[in-house]
Amino acid sequence: MKILGIDPGSALVGYGLVEEDQALDYGCIRTQNELTILEEQLKAILKKHKPDAVAVEKLFFSKNTKTALKVGESRGVIMLLISQSRIPVAEYTPLEVKLAVTGYGRADKKQMQLMVKNLLKLKEIPKPDDAADALAIALCHQNSYRLKEKTK
């Protein structure tokens, strides 16, 4: 199962595609705060990779209202495109992602990045951070999907 993980942001949106514990592609969409750039590039990624599922990080509470609103706008574009593509989507909180990837819900950024590198057998930690986060989100969904399949 090909899973596309997405880490929404205002200026950078991380994406990571995994299949069977392998990273197929990852990177960032540099939106320059333009939603049309996000729309065009995410459409291209969906068309190129044809994921079976998409996992998106849920918006968490932010002290900076302006930032939260910008990320919310990006999430809106992301969720609309996924819906239009008729791809199943799952959402996970940062805590759920950390717990699924490291086994510890309060893991720091470095622990997360090292686990992503190790789980996907990568030579180095994925850069930038947003791409590593997106791969972690995809791994979280992969683990969740496997667990659901085992308990059927």
Protein backbone atom coordinates (compact mmCIF):
# COMPACT_ATOMS: atom_id res chain seq x y z
CA MET A 1 0.00 0.00 0.00
CA LYS A 2 1.42 3.39 -1.05
CA ILE A 3 0.83 6.01 1.63
CA LEU A 4 1.44 9.71 1.18
CA GLY A 5 2.12 11.57 4.42
CA ILE A 6 1.59 15.32 4.48
CA ASP A 7 2.86 17.82 7.05
CA PRO A 8 0.84 21.00 6.42
CA GLY A 9 2.47 24.39 6.79
CA SER A 10 2.09 27.90 5.50
CA ALA A 11 5.37 28.41 3.61
CA LEU A 12 6.51 24.76 3.49
CA VAL A 13 4.37 21.64 3.15
CA GLY A 14 6.27 18.41 3.72
CA TYR A 15 5.36 15.26 1.84
CA GLY A 16 6.63 11.70 2.06
CA LEU A 17 5.58 8.57 0.21
CA VAL A 18 6.15 5.16 1.78
CA GLU A 19 5.37 1.62 0.72
CA GLU A 20 6.27 -1.49 2.69
CA ASP A 21 8.74 0.32 4.97
CA GLN A 22 10.50 2.02 2.05
CA ALA A 23 10.62 5.72 1.25
CA LEU A 24 9.67 6.15 -2.39
CA ASP A 25 9.81 9.95 -2.47
CA TYR A 26 9.90 12.88 -0.08
CA GLY A 27 10.44 16.60 -0.07
CA CYS A 28 8.73 19.92 0.45
CA ILE A 29 6.38 22.10 -1.49
CA ARG A 30 7.58 25.68 -1.12
CA THR A 31 4.32 27.58 -1.30
CA GLN A 32 5.67 31.12 -0.89
CA ASN A 33 2.37 31.56 0.99
CA GLU A 34 0.46 31.08 -2.28
CA LEU A 35 -2.31 28.48 -2.11
CA THR A 36 -2.31 28.07 -5.91
CA ILE A 37 1.32 26.86 -5.79
CA LEU A 38 0.34 24.30 -3.16
CA GLU A 39 -2.64 23.20 -5.26
CA GLU A 40 -0.61 22.76 -8.47
CA GLN A 41 2.29 20.93 -6.86
CA LEU A 42 0.16 18.63 -4.70
CA LYS A 43 -1.97 17.74 -7.73
CA ALA A 44 1.23 16.81 -9.58
CA ILE A 45 2.42 14.63 -6.66
CA LEU A 46 -0.95 12.85 -6.44
CA LYS A 47 -1.00 12.27 -10.21
CA LYS A 48 2.61 11.03 -10.35
CA HIS A 49 2.48 8.65 -7.37
CA LYS A 50 -1.19 7.62 -7.22
CA PRO A 51 -1.16 6.85 -3.48
CA ASP A 52 -3.61 4.34 -2.05
CA ALA A 53 -4.08 6.47 1.07
CA VAL A 54 -3.07 9.85 2.42
CA ALA A 55 -2.27 10.70 6.04
CA VAL A 56 -2.32 14.33 7.16
CA GLU A 57 -1.17 15.81 10.43
CA LYS A 58 -4.04 17.36 12.37
CA LEU A 59 -3.80 21.01 13.19
CA PHE A 60 -2.79 21.38 16.80
CA PHE A 61 -3.36 24.39 19.01
CA SER A 62 -0.99 27.21 18.26
CA LYS A 63 -0.29 30.27 20.36
CA ASN A 64 0.23 32.27 17.18
CA THR A 65 -3.22 32.78 15.69
CA LYS A 66 -1.89 34.12 12.39
CA THR A 67 0.23 31.00 11.86
CA ALA A 68 -2.63 28.70 12.83
CA LEU A 69 -4.92 30.39 10.30
CA LYS A 70 -2.33 30.10 7.50
CA VAL A 71 -1.75 26.41 8.25
CA GLY A 72 -5.54 25.94 8.36
CA GLU A 73 -5.80 27.42 4.88
CA SER A 74 -3.14 25.02 3.60
CA ARG A 75 -4.93 22.09 5.23
CA GLY A 76 -8.14 23.16 3.52
CA VAL A 77 -6.50 23.04 0.09
CA ILE A 78 -4.87 19.69 0.93
CA MET A 79 -8.09 18.10 2.20
CA LEU A 80 -10.09 19.38 -0.78
CA LEU A 81 -7.60 17.95 -3.31
CA ILE A 82 -7.53 14.59 -1.55
CA SER A 83 -11.32 14.51 -1.43
CA GLN A 84 -11.57 15.37 -5.13
CA SER A 85 -9.06 12.58 -5.87
CA ARG A 86 -11.27 10.12 -3.96
CA ILE A 87 -8.30 8.83 -1.97
CA PRO A 88 -8.95 7.61 1.58
CA VAL A 89 -7.54 10.06 4.11
CA ALA A 90 -6.58 9.70 7.76
CA GLU A 91 -5.59 12.39 10.22
CA TYR A 92 -3.19 12.06 13.14
CA THR A 93 -2.14 14.39 15.93
CA PRO A 94 1.56 15.03 16.51
CA LEU A 95 1.29 12.94 19.69
CA GLU A 96 -0.15 9.97 17.77
CA VAL A 97 2.61 10.21 15.17
CA LYS A 98 5.36 10.33 17.79
CA LEU A 99 3.86 7.39 19.67
CA ALA A 100 3.54 5.29 16.51
CA VAL A 101 7.06 6.02 15.26
CA THR A 102 9.12 6.12 18.47
CA GLY A 103 6.88 4.46 21.03
CA TYR A 104 7.01 7.67 23.08
CA GLY A 105 4.43 10.42 22.60
CA ARG A 106 6.75 13.16 23.82
CA ALA A 107 9.73 12.30 21.60
CA ASP A 108 11.77 15.27 20.45
CA LYS A 109 12.50 16.24 16.85
CA LYS A 110 15.89 14.49 16.77
CA GLN A 111 14.47 11.19 18.11
CA MET A 112 11.73 11.31 15.47
CA GLN A 113 14.18 11.99 12.66
CA LEU A 114 16.49 9.16 13.72
CA MET A 115 13.60 6.70 13.93
CA VAL A 116 12.35 7.70 10.47
CA LYS A 117 15.87 7.21 9.10
CA ASN A 118 16.22 3.80 10.79
CA LEU A 119 12.72 2.48 10.03
CA LEU A 120 13.02 3.38 6.35
CA LYS A 121 16.68 2.26 6.16
CA LEU A 122 17.81 5.63 4.81
CA LYS A 123 21.47 6.62 4.65
CA GLU A 124 20.79 9.98 6.26
CA ILE A 125 18.06 11.89 8.04
CA PRO A 126 15.58 13.30 5.49
CA LYS A 127 15.87 17.05 5.02
CA PRO A 128 14.24 19.46 5.53
CA ASP A 129 12.47 18.67 8.81
CA ASP A 130 9.05 18.98 7.17
CA ALA A 131 9.87 16.07 4.83
CA ALA A 132 10.99 13.90 7.75
CA ASP A 133 7.77 14.79 9.58
CA ALA A 134 5.71 13.83 6.52
CA LEU A 135 7.46 10.45 6.31
CA ALA A 136 6.71 9.94 10.02
CA ILE A 137 3.03 10.70 9.38
CA ALA A 138 2.99 8.13 6.54
CA LEU A 139 4.69 5.56 8.81
CA CYS A 140 2.09 6.26 11.50
CA HIS A 141 -0.69 5.46 9.05
CA GLN A 142 1.12 2.37 7.80
CA ASN A 143 1.36 1.07 11.38
CA SER A 144 -2.29 1.94 12.05
CA TYR A 145 -3.41 0.20 8.85
CA ARG A 146 -1.40 -2.94 9.66
CA LEU A 147 -2.88 -3.07 13.14
CA LYS A 148 -6.42 -2.77 11.77
CA GLU A 149 -5.74 -5.56 9.25
CA LYS A 150 -4.45 -7.88 12.01
CA THR A 151 -7.49 -7.31 14.20
CA LYS A 152 -10.08 -8.01 11.50
